[in-house]
Amino acid sequence: MIQFRTLLLLAAMAQGQTGLDAPGDLRSSVMLERRIALQRLELSLGDKRPPAGPSWFERYSRRTVPSAYALPFEVLTRARHEIGPRGGGELEGEPLAEALDLRCVPGAFAPSTPEAKRQPITVHVTPLYRTLVPAEAFQLVLSWQGPRGEQVEARREMVEPGAVQPAGFEMYVHAPPSEPGTWWLLPQVVIEGATAQGLPVPVECVADLEARFPGLQTRDPAAALAVRRLLETGARDPRLPSIEDLLSGKDTPREHPFRIEGFVLGDHELVAIEPEPPAEVQATLVAIAPSSERASWLFAGPALDRWREFARTERVRVLSTDLPILDRAGPDSCALTAALRAREPDRPILLLARGPVMSELAMALQAGMEPCFDALVQSSLLMQGARPTALAPRPALFVEVLALEAHAPEPVEIEGGSSFYHARTPGPPLFADLELPSHIAAWLRARAEVNGSSGR
């Protein structure tokens, strides 16, 4: 039994807290992992999702623009039950089970047989946010779920309430006997015989990892570093393909770092999706990430294939950066677009501003910043009674999220006479952002028909 001083953690969802302090990189990766899982759940339901009024999740997302784009862990977790079928009422231990993250060290293991000595794994059990814990000791079960649906109990311990602290605690398991493939480690909280399941985390079984690793270091040093971090610290990176695919050299297209000679990024990120197969780039779309996201999140999970298809069909290079719109003390997005203009003077630049970035852009323009783009894509929710407006005298598309119904881009008359289109997408930004590539593509084609040219 794990003995710690008693500490009852109180629910903080009503205050909208983002969770307990933990290493930033680890929390960021787990946040992205849970966002992707929620997107895939939404996409898997498709038309099977029963029609209903605005869910709690959607109502939460309507509170403010920043809150809609910076969903905390507990909101992402509760939203799973708003979207998919629960299959019964909430169990007493469910909020705690779903709040737990499991970080396995090492983050992968070698194949073995039932008779062989299996690899020991340390599991760091951490609450991602504050939630109610039982007043008395409870059972925590860690179970392996295999590639073929098999389930193997790995560990069962009594845990005192005081163990559920921000720093978490450790449990010790052995890898399951397995051939190469992906297993999942599932946390389960058992209270008075009722078992509540948390969210499983992937742990890959990889053959000959040590012998094959030097080849990965040569081909893809960045991916090799991510694998090393996974092995040494358990830090998962949901943006990467499987370790097996990386080690085997399988072609797994993803975003890549983008550099402009003479432009210094500093500590910021700039990543790109290029048209495939190689073709002449007709335009560049620069997406500015909200402060709650990393630049590479735009291309994570199911969004990756959609942006790749957009880049291929529209012959548009897509850049994503976390540079601020305007920063007089360092590099900013305005300077980035100026560097792009100097490098490719004949190539139009489109700017994508989502949610809070729209406010930053509006303030910068009001302060006298010259529009550093040829066309603008704005995406956000509209407060009740508000109408979409163009932030700059440039051709623009406004993609409204949390709209009452879906609607393709259509022209709208606005003051100033600039070309302005309005598209609508139901659902919070987490889901609506997946529709951005198709809306932007439809907008570009509509403009091309009107202009009798590229439309960019």
Foldseek 3Di string as FASTA:
>chain_A
DDDDDADWFADDVVVQDQFDDDPPLQLQQVVLVLLLVLLVLQVVCVPVFDDDPDFPLLVQLQPALVCLQQPHQLSSQVVSVVGDPPPDDDDPCASVQAQKDWFKALQAFAAAAPVDDFAKIKIFIAGGHTHGDDQAWWKKWKWKQDPVGDIGTFDIDTDGNRQHDHRHDIDMGTDDRDDWDKMWIWIWIADPRDIHTYDTDIGTHDHPCVVLLVVLCVVPVVVSVQSVCNNHPSRDHQQDDDPNCSSVVPDDDAWDFDDFPPADPPPKGKIKAFAPPDDAAQAEEEEADDPSHHQRSCCGHPLVVLVRVLCHVLSYMYMTIPAQCDDPVGDHVLVVLVSVCVVPVNHFYEYEAERPSVVSLLVCVVVPDDPSGQEYEYETADDPPDDDDDSDLHAYEYEHEQDPDFDAWDFDDDPPPHTYTYTYDRDGCSNVSSCVSVNVSSQQVVCCVVVVHSSD
